[in-house]
C-alpha atoms as a PDB file:
ATOM      1  CA  MET A   1       0.000   0.000   0.000  1.00  0.00           C
ATOM      2  CA  ARG A   2       1.040   3.574  -0.523  1.00  0.00           C
ATOM      3  CA  SER A   3       2.908   5.365   2.242  1.00  0.00           C
ATOM      4  CA  VAL A   4       1.063   7.466   4.801  1.00  0.00           C
ATOM      5  CA  VAL A   5       3.252  10.444   3.875  1.00  0.00           C
ATOM      6  CA  TRP A   6       2.195  10.310   0.234  1.00  0.00           C
ATOM      7  CA  LEU A   7      -1.493   9.928   1.102  1.00  0.00           C
ATOM      8  CA  SER A   8      -1.363  12.879   3.494  1.00  0.00           C
ATOM      9  CA  PHE A   9       0.497  15.112   1.066  1.00  0.00           C
ATOM     10  CA  ALA A  10      -1.811  14.337  -1.863  1.00  0.00           C
ATOM     11  CA  ALA A  11      -4.868  14.840   0.349  1.00  0.00           C
ATOM     12  CA  LEU A  12      -3.675  18.288   1.395  1.00  0.00           C
ATOM     13  CA  VAL A  13      -3.331  19.373  -2.206  1.00  0.00           C
ATOM     14  CA  ALA A  14      -6.667  17.935  -3.272  1.00  0.00           C
ATOM     15  CA  THR A  15      -8.818  19.062  -0.350  1.00  0.00           C
ATOM     16  CA  LEU A  16      -7.181  22.013   1.352  1.00  0.00           C
ATOM     17  CA  GLY A  17      -5.610  23.569  -1.730  1.00  0.00           C
ATOM     18  CA  CYS A  18      -2.435  24.631   0.101  1.00  0.00           C
ATOM     19  CA  ASP A  19      -0.942  25.994  -3.131  1.00  0.00           C
ATOM     20  CA  GLU A  20       1.795  28.174  -1.715  1.00  0.00           C
ATOM     21  CA  ALA A  21       3.294  25.595   0.659  1.00  0.00           C
ATOM     22  CA  VAL A  22       3.349  22.842  -1.957  1.00  0.00           C
ATOM     23  CA  SER A  23       4.617  25.238  -4.638  1.00  0.00           C
ATOM     24  CA  ASN A  24       7.601  25.965  -2.414  1.00  0.00           C
ATOM     25  CA  GLU A  25       8.115  22.244  -1.819  1.00  0.00           C
ATOM     26  CA  LEU A  26       8.260  21.636  -5.580  1.00  0.00           C
ATOM     27  CA  GLU A  27      10.350  24.783  -6.171  1.00  0.00           C
ATOM     28  CA  LEU A  28       7.711  26.341  -8.418  1.00  0.00           C
ATOM     29  CA  PRO A  29       7.513  30.082  -9.265  1.00  0.00           C
ATOM     30  CA  ALA A  30       5.556  32.376  -6.967  1.00  0.00           C
ATOM     31  CA  LEU A  31       1.791  32.405  -7.438  1.00  0.00           C
ATOM     32  CA  ARG A  32       0.163  35.326  -9.208  1.00  0.00           C
ATOM     33  CA  LYS A  33      -3.245  36.894  -8.595  1.00  0.00           C
ATOM     34  CA  SER A  34      -5.994  36.171 -11.094  1.00  0.00           C
ATOM     35  CA  ASN A  35      -9.710  36.833 -11.421  1.00  0.00           C
ATOM     36  CA  ASP A  36     -10.263  33.721 -13.517  1.00  0.00           C
ATOM     37  CA  PRO A  37     -12.445  31.308 -11.470  1.00  0.00           C
ATOM     38  CA  LEU A  38     -10.504  28.369 -12.905  1.00  0.00           C
ATOM     39  CA  ASP A  39      -7.094  29.747 -11.971  1.00  0.00           C
ATOM     40  CA  ALA A  40      -6.964  28.279  -8.446  1.00  0.00           C
ATOM     41  CA  PRO A  41      -8.298  24.846  -9.542  1.00  0.00           C
ATOM     42  CA  SER A  42      -5.758  24.882 -12.382  1.00  0.00           C
ATOM     43  CA  ARG A  43      -2.924  25.547  -9.918  1.00  0.00           C
ATOM     44  CA  ARG A  44      -4.008  22.693  -7.680  1.00  0.00           C
ATOM     45  CA  MET A  45      -4.327  20.362 -10.651  1.00  0.00           C
ATOM     46  CA  ALA A  46      -0.848  21.355 -11.848  1.00  0.00           C
ATOM     47  CA  ILE A  47       0.616  20.634  -8.408  1.00  0.00           C
ATOM     48  CA  ARG A  48      -1.063  17.242  -8.288  1.00  0.00           C
ATOM     49  CA  LYS A  49       0.368  16.521 -11.722  1.00  0.00           C
ATOM     50  CA  ARG A  50       3.883  17.451 -10.563  1.00  0.00           C
ATOM     51  CA  LEU A  51       3.593  15.154  -7.545  1.00  0.00           C
ATOM     52  CA  VAL A  52       2.433  12.240  -9.691  1.00  0.00           C
ATOM     53  CA  GLU A  53       5.194  12.959 -12.191  1.00  0.00           C
ATOM     54  CA  LYS A  54       7.826  12.771  -9.440  1.00  0.00           C
ATOM     55  CA  ARG A  55       6.587   9.305  -8.475  1.00  0.00           C
ATOM     56  CA  LEU A  56       6.426   7.960 -12.021  1.00  0.00           C
ATOM     57  CA  LYS A  57       9.775   9.348 -13.173  1.00  0.00           C
ATOM     58  CA  ARG A  58      12.014   8.300 -10.307  1.00  0.00           C
ATOM     59  CA  ARG A  59      14.944   6.026 -11.146  1.00  0.00           C
ATOM     60  CA  PHE A  60      14.104   2.326 -10.938  1.00  0.00           C
ATOM     61  CA  GLU A  61      17.078  -0.012 -10.683  1.00  0.00           C
ATOM     62  CA  LEU A  62      17.519  -3.556 -11.961  1.00  0.00           C
ATOM     63  CA  GLY A  63      19.531  -5.869  -9.716  1.00  0.00           C
ATOM     64  CA  LYS A  64      22.957  -7.082 -10.838  1.00  0.00           C
ATOM     65  CA  ARG A  65      21.817 -10.687 -11.259  1.00  0.00           C
ATOM     66  CA  PRO A  66      18.095 -10.593 -11.968  1.00  0.00           C
ATOM     67  CA  LYS A  67      16.098 -13.802 -12.055  1.00  0.00           C
ATOM     68  CA  LEU A  68      12.480 -14.799 -12.488  1.00  0.00           C
ATOM     69  CA  ARG A  69      10.457 -13.703  -9.492  1.00  0.00           C
ATOM     70  CA  ARG A  70       6.736 -14.193  -8.997  1.00  0.00           C
ATOM     71  CA  CYS A  71       4.378 -11.466  -7.755  1.00  0.00           C
ATOM     72  CA  ASP A  72       3.149 -13.452  -4.759  1.00  0.00           C
ATOM     73  CA  GLU A  73       2.318 -10.297  -2.786  1.00  0.00           C
ATOM     74  CA  ILE A  74      -0.134  -9.126  -5.476  1.00  0.00           C
ATOM     75  CA  THR A  75      -3.419 -10.925  -4.858  1.00  0.00           C
ATOM     76  CA  GLU A  76      -5.845  -8.867  -6.943  1.00  0.00           C
ATOM     77  CA  SER A  77      -6.067  -7.049 -10.280  1.00  0.00           C
ATOM     78  CA  THR A  78      -3.481  -4.249 -10.273  1.00  0.00           C
ATOM     79  CA  ASP A  79      -3.518  -1.081 -12.373  1.00  0.00           C
ATOM     80  CA  PHE A  80      -0.109   0.210 -13.500  1.00  0.00           C
ATOM     81  CA  GLU A  81       1.644   2.335 -16.123  1.00  0.00           C
ATOM     82  CA  VAL A  82       4.701   1.248 -18.124  1.00  0.00           C
ATOM     83  CA  THR A  83       8.039   2.917 -18.867  1.00  0.00           C
ATOM     84  CA  THR A  84      11.521   1.946 -20.104  1.00  0.00           C
ATOM     85  CA  SER A  85      15.021   1.996 -18.614  1.00  0.00           C
ATOM     86  CA  ASP A  86      18.269   1.514 -20.521  1.00  0.00           C
ATOM     87  CA  ALA A  87      20.095  -1.148 -18.492  1.00  0.00           C
ATOM     88  CA  ARG A  88      22.603  -2.118 -21.200  1.00  0.00           C
ATOM     89  CA  ILE A  89      26.282  -2.332 -20.365  1.00  0.00           C
ATOM     90  CA  ILE A  90      27.352  -1.819 -23.977  1.00  0.00           C
ATOM     91  CA  LYS A  91      25.266   0.839 -25.725  1.00  0.00           C
ATOM     92  CA  LYS A  92      26.336   0.425 -29.325  1.00  0.00           C
ATOM     93  CA  HIS A  93      22.917   1.386 -30.683  1.00  0.00           C
ATOM     94  CA  LEU A  94      20.582   4.134 -29.504  1.00  0.00           C
ATOM     95  CA  LEU A  95      17.145   3.108 -28.291  1.00  0.00           C
ATOM     96  CA  PRO A  96      14.946   4.696 -30.981  1.00  0.00           C
ATOM     97  CA  LEU A  97      11.560   6.251 -30.315  1.00  0.00           C
ATOM     98  CA  ARG A  98      10.066   3.830 -32.840  1.00  0.00           C
ATOM     99  CA  LEU A  99      10.928   1.085 -30.363  1.00  0.00           C
ATOM    100  CA  THR A 100      10.216   2.679 -26.984  1.00  0.00           C
ATOM    101  CA  LYS A 101       6.863   4.191 -28.002  1.00  0.00           C
ATOM    102  CA  HIS A 102       5.453   0.655 -27.988  1.00  0.00           C
ATOM    103  CA  LEU A 103       6.979  -0.065 -24.572  1.00  0.00           C
ATOM    104  CA  SER A 104       5.716   2.965 -22.641  1.00  0.00           C
ATOM    105  CA  THR A 105       2.461   4.557 -21.616  1.00  0.00           C
ATOM    106  CA  HIS A 106       2.221   8.341 -21.265  1.00  0.00           C
ATOM    107  CA  PRO A 107      -0.605   8.921 -18.770  1.00  0.00           C
ATOM    108  CA  LEU A 108       0.114  12.582 -18.052  1.00  0.00           C
ATOM    109  CA  ALA A 109      -0.153  13.419 -21.756  1.00  0.00           C
ATOM    110  CA  ARG A 110      -3.840  12.485 -21.505  1.00  0.00           C
ATOM    111  CA  LEU A 111      -4.401  15.642 -19.466  1.00  0.00           C
ATOM    112  CA  SER A 112      -3.663  17.998 -22.384  1.00  0.00           C
ATOM    113  CA  GLN A 113      -7.228  17.673 -23.721  1.00  0.00           C
ATOM    114  CA  PHE A 114      -8.568  19.426 -20.627  1.00  0.00           C
ATOM    115  CA  TYR A 115      -6.452  22.598 -20.869  1.00  0.00           C
ATOM    116  CA  ARG A 116      -6.591  25.817 -22.853  1.00  0.00           C
ATOM    117  CA  SER A 117      -3.813  26.309 -25.373  1.00  0.00           C
ATOM    118  CA  LYS A 118      -2.659  29.533 -23.695  1.00  0.00           C
ATOM    119  CA  PRO A 119      -0.817  28.951 -20.373  1.00  0.00           C
ATOM    120  CA  GLY A 120      -2.060  30.536 -17.164  1.00  0.00           C
ATOM    121  CA  SER A 121       1.503  31.133 -15.986  1.00  0.00           C
ATOM    122  CA  SER A 122       5.028  29.915 -16.666  1.00  0.00           C
ATOM    123  CA  TRP A 123       4.358  26.553 -14.973  1.00  0.00           C
ATOM    124  CA  TYR A 124       0.701  25.680 -15.460  1.00  0.00           C
ATOM    125  CA  LYS A 125      -2.092  25.957 -17.992  1.00  0.00           C
ATOM    126  CA  LEU A 126      -5.681  26.962 -17.334  1.00  0.00           C
ATOM    127  CA  LEU A 127      -8.392  24.345 -17.411  1.00  0.00           C
ATOM    128  CA  ARG A 128     -10.987  24.722 -20.145  1.00  0.00           C
ATOM    129  CA  SER A 129     -14.036  24.395 -17.893  1.00  0.00           C
ATOM    130  CA  ALA A 130     -15.439  22.887 -14.705  1.00  0.00           C
ATOM    131  CA  ASP A 131     -16.168  19.693 -16.647  1.00  0.00           C
ATOM    132  CA  ALA A 132     -12.553  19.630 -17.793  1.00  0.00           C
ATOM    133  CA  GLN A 133     -11.501  19.925 -14.151  1.00  0.00           C
ATOM    134  CA  LYS A 134     -13.549  16.824 -13.341  1.00  0.00           C
ATOM    135  CA  GLY A 135     -12.062  14.919 -16.285  1.00  0.00           C
ATOM    136  CA  ALA A 136      -8.489  15.775 -15.316  1.00  0.00           C
ATOM    137  CA  SER A 137      -9.197  14.880 -11.695  1.00  0.00           C
ATOM    138  CA  VAL A 138     -10.426  11.404 -12.697  1.00  0.00           C
ATOM    139  CA  ILE A 139      -7.104  10.686 -14.428  1.00  0.00           C
ATOM    140  CA  LEU A 140      -5.025  12.023 -11.533  1.00  0.00           C
ATOM    141  CA  ASP A 141      -7.136  10.144  -8.981  1.00  0.00           C
ATOM    142  CA  ARG A 142      -6.324   6.888 -10.751  1.00  0.00           C
ATOM    143  CA  LEU A 143      -2.601   7.673 -10.991  1.00  0.00           C
ATOM    144  CA  GLU A 144      -2.415   8.737  -7.348  1.00  0.00           C
ATOM    145  CA  ASN A 145      -3.958   5.425  -6.326  1.00  0.00           C
ATOM    146  CA  GLN A 146      -1.485   3.279  -8.242  1.00  0.00           C
ATOM    147  CA  ASP A 147       1.001   1.336  -6.135  1.00  0.00           C
ATOM    148  CA  TYR A 148       3.212  -0.037  -8.918  1.00  0.00           C
ATOM    149  CA  ILE A 149       4.792   0.796 -12.255  1.00  0.00           C
ATOM    150  CA  GLY A 150       5.993  -1.643 -14.910  1.00  0.00           C
ATOM    151  CA  VAL A 151       9.523  -1.024 -16.178  1.00  0.00           C
ATOM    152  CA  TYR A 152      11.244  -2.520 -19.204  1.00  0.00           C
ATOM    153  CA  HIS A 153      14.890  -2.805 -18.175  1.00  0.00           C
ATOM    154  CA  ILE A 154      16.405  -3.234 -21.634  1.00  0.00           C
ATOM    155  CA  VAL A 155      19.652  -5.208 -21.420  1.00  0.00           C
ATOM    156  CA  ASP A 156      20.265  -5.886 -25.122  1.00  0.00           C
ATOM    157  CA  PHE A 157      19.181  -4.261 -28.378  1.00  0.00           C
ATOM    158  CA  ARG A 158      20.587  -4.948 -31.810  1.00  0.00           C
ATOM    159  CA  PRO A 159      18.481  -3.835 -34.771  1.00  0.00           C
ATOM    160  CA  PRO A 160      18.401  -5.828 -38.036  1.00  0.00           C
ATOM    161  CA  ARG A 161      21.105  -4.685 -40.454  1.00  0.00           C
ATOM    162  CA  ARG A 162      21.252  -4.897 -44.237  1.00  0.00           C
ATOM    163  CA  PHE A 163      24.620  -6.177 -45.483  1.00  0.00           C
ATOM    164  CA  ILE A 164      26.266  -7.966 -48.387  1.00  0.00           C
ATOM    165  CA  LYS A 165      28.242 -11.032 -47.424  1.00  0.00           C
ATOM    166  CA  LEU A 166      31.742 -11.333 -48.873  1.00  0.00           C
ATOM    167  CA  GLY A 167      31.620 -13.308 -52.095  1.00  0.00           C
ATOM    168  CA  HIS A 168      27.866 -12.829 -52.522  1.00  0.00           C
ATOM    169  CA  ALA A 169      26.183 -10.405 -54.910  1.00  0.00           C
ATOM    170  CA  LYS A 170      22.821 -10.283 -53.151  1.00  0.00           C
ATOM    171  CA  ALA A 171      22.154  -8.306 -49.975  1.00  0.00           C
ATOM    172  CA  GLN A 172      20.577  -9.859 -46.901  1.00  0.00           C
ATOM    173  CA  TRP A 173      19.367  -8.830 -43.462  1.00  0.00           C
ATOM    174  CA  SER A 174      20.978  -9.836 -40.186  1.00  0.00           C
ATOM    175  CA  ARG A 175      18.762 -10.807 -37.271  1.00  0.00           C
ATOM    176  CA  GLY A 176      17.607  -8.258 -34.717  1.00  0.00           C
ATOM    177  CA  TYR A 177      17.687  -8.929 -30.960  1.00  0.00           C
ATOM    178  CA  LEU A 178      15.809  -7.361 -28.067  1.00  0.00           C
ATOM    179  CA  THR A 179      16.071  -8.546 -24.463  1.00  0.00           C
ATOM    180  CA  ALA A 180      14.547  -6.928 -21.394  1.00  0.00           C
ATOM    181  CA  TRP A 181      13.587  -7.698 -17.835  1.00  0.00           C
ATOM    182  CA  PHE A 182      10.050  -6.523 -17.213  1.00  0.00           C
ATOM    183  CA  ALA A 183       9.771  -5.643 -13.523  1.00  0.00           C
ATOM    184  CA  LEU A 184       6.896  -4.344 -11.454  1.00  0.00           C
ATOM    185  CA  HIS A 185       8.311  -1.714  -9.081  1.00  0.00           C
ATOM    186  CA  ASP A 186       6.778  -0.280  -5.931  1.00  0.00           C
ATOM    187  CA  LEU A 187       6.212   3.433  -6.603  1.00  0.00           C
ATOM    188  CA  ASP A 188       7.078   4.443  -3.030  1.00  0.00           C
ATOM    189  CA  THR A 189      10.161   2.335  -2.331  1.00  0.00           C
ATOM    190  CA  GLY A 190      11.370   1.751  -5.889  1.00  0.00           C
ATOM    191  CA  SER A 191      11.978  -1.935  -5.156  1.00  0.00           C
ATOM    192  CA  ALA A 192      10.920  -4.632  -7.625  1.00  0.00           C
ATOM    193  CA  ALA A 193       8.035  -6.809  -6.473  1.00  0.00           C
ATOM    194  CA  CYS A 194       8.501  -9.277  -9.337  1.00  0.00           C
ATOM    195  CA  GLN A 195      10.150  -9.600 -12.728  1.00  0.00           C
ATOM    196  CA  VAL A 196      10.301 -11.740 -15.845  1.00  0.00           C
ATOM    197  CA  ARG A 197      12.744 -11.927 -18.756  1.00  0.00           C
ATOM    198  CA  VAL A 198      11.410 -11.235 -22.254  1.00  0.00           C
ATOM    199  CA  HIS A 199      13.549 -11.986 -25.321  1.00  0.00           C
ATOM    200  CA  LEU A 200      12.783 -11.852 -29.018  1.00  0.00           C
ATOM    201  CA  ILE A 201      14.590 -12.361 -32.321  1.00  0.00           C
ATOM    202  CA  GLU A 202      13.562 -10.499 -35.448  1.00  0.00           C
ATOM    203  CA  THR A 203      14.502 -12.567 -38.503  1.00  0.00           C
ATOM    204  CA  ALA A 204      13.575  -9.800 -40.972  1.00  0.00           C
ATOM    205  CA  GLU A 205      12.157 -12.511 -43.208  1.00  0.00           C
ATOM    206  CA  GLY A 206      10.597 -11.022 -46.331  1.00  0.00           C
ATOM    207  CA  ALA A 207      12.040  -7.539 -45.712  1.00  0.00           C
ATOM    208  CA  PRO A 208      12.863  -5.544 -48.894  1.00  0.00           C
ATOM    209  CA  LEU A 209      16.500  -5.895 -49.948  1.00  0.00           C
ATOM    210  CA  SER A 210      16.651  -2.667 -51.923  1.00  0.00           C
ATOM    211  CA  ARG A 211      19.462  -0.351 -50.827  1.00  0.00           C
ATOM    212  CA  ARG A 212      17.207   2.620 -51.483  1.00  0.00           C
ATOM    213  CA  LEU A 213      14.692   1.324 -48.926  1.00  0.00           C
ATOM    214  CA  ARG A 214      17.309   0.328 -46.329  1.00  0.00           C
ATOM    215  CA  GLU A 215      16.640   3.150 -43.859  1.00  0.00           C
ATOM    216  CA  GLU A 216      12.862   2.917 -44.079  1.00  0.00           C
ATOM    217  CA  THR A 217      12.959  -0.882 -43.794  1.00  0.00           C
ATOM    218  CA  THR A 218      15.197  -0.697 -40.711  1.00  0.00           C
ATOM    219  CA  LYS A 219      12.757   1.680 -39.035  1.00  0.00           C
ATOM    220  CA  ASN A 220       9.810  -0.570 -39.836  1.00  0.00           C
ATOM    221  CA  LEU A 221      11.603  -3.647 -38.484  1.00  0.00           C
ATOM    222  CA  VAL A 222      12.527  -1.848 -35.246  1.00  0.00           C
ATOM    223  CA  GLU A 223       8.933  -0.716 -34.786  1.00  0.00           C
ATOM    224  CA  LYS A 224       7.815  -4.302 -35.360  1.00  0.00           C
ATOM    225  CA  MET A 225      10.210  -5.419 -32.603  1.00  0.00           C
ATOM    226  CA  GLY A 226       8.570  -2.987 -30.186  1.00  0.00           C
ATOM    227  CA  ARG A 227       5.081  -4.296 -30.981  1.00  0.00           C
ATOM    228  CA  ARG A 228       6.216  -7.901 -30.638  1.00  0.00           C
ATOM    229  CA  MET A 229       7.951  -7.216 -27.328  1.00  0.00           C
ATOM    230  CA  ARG A 230       4.754  -5.792 -25.867  1.00  0.00           C
ATOM    231  CA  LEU A 231       2.713  -8.799 -27.039  1.00  0.00           C
ATOM    232  CA  ASP A 232       5.316 -11.244 -25.715  1.00  0.00           C
ATOM    233  CA  THR A 233       5.363  -9.418 -22.379  1.00  0.00           C
ATOM    234  CA  ALA A 234       1.595  -9.757 -22.033  1.00  0.00           C
ATOM    235  CA  LYS A 235       2.027 -13.538 -22.384  1.00  0.00           C
ATOM    236  CA  SER A 236       5.049 -13.665 -20.061  1.00  0.00           C
ATOM    237  CA  LEU A 237       3.164 -11.936 -17.238  1.00  0.00           C
ATOM    238  CA  ALA A 238       1.197 -15.152 -16.762  1.00  0.00           C
ATOM    239  CA  LYS A 239       4.431 -16.732 -15.468  1.00  0.00           C
ATOM    240  CA  ILE A 240       4.637 -14.353 -12.513  1.00  0.00           C
ATOM    241  CA  SER A 241       1.030 -13.445 -11.677  1.00  0.00           C
ATOM    242  CA  PRO A 242      -2.548 -14.157 -12.760  1.00  0.00           C
ATOM    243  CA  HIS A 243      -3.539 -10.621 -11.751  1.00  0.00           C
ATOM    244  CA  LEU A 244      -1.377  -8.564 -14.146  1.00  0.00           C
ATOM    245  CA  VAL A 245      -2.641  -7.292 -17.495  1.00  0.00           C
ATOM    246  CA  MET A 246      -0.610  -4.999 -19.756  1.00  0.00           C
ATOM    247  CA  PRO A 247      -2.268  -1.562 -19.982  1.00  0.00           C
ATOM    248  CA  PRO A 248      -3.290  -0.296 -23.444  1.00  0.00           C
ATOM    249  CA  LEU A 249      -1.065   2.101 -25.358  1.00  0.00           C
ATOM    250  CA  ASP A 250      -2.063   5.770 -25.443  1.00  0.00           C
END
């Protein structure tokens, strides 16, 4: 369960609206006066967002010798978001967005629909309406009540590569490899409650061999690896818990 400190702090923001004290805690700019009736609710919503963001974006570590570990302490359906962590020792290839976009959820981005395009100040935007305030609050309520976050600790990534073998006239594609430990981390302590290894090989079978299409084909194959990894993870979760279901992509 979440810590008493976190519950108390979030409750203060949501119910008492102690904007100035929490703004100082988060090192936010001084508050300004406004006659807009949605200004104060927008400030409180922005502070809640910052607090949630701090929880979701903390550094989550993978142990030196990870091994399969079941989620025995999780006994009911658990809601969680997903992010990635580069745990590779040798980082020969960058982790492209085409790959990671299929391995991460972006829950705070869902809030943008509820805000006006023009910011209320340098650190928060104004809500569109009272209904928008309710919609944003529903999303933040759910995130504040989450106890865990799923993290892809990527330990190996090698994209498929087009090459011409010595003595051969025709090009071919090398295999692509992606290996990660998917761990469910406690959002308060950062410790992993359970984890499972997910590994895939992309054979690039049937990929175009044209040199002109090499860059585009590589991108498509990498994106395919991301989609496959997510599907394989959904199946692998059954090894560690019957209560875990991969959340949908945004």
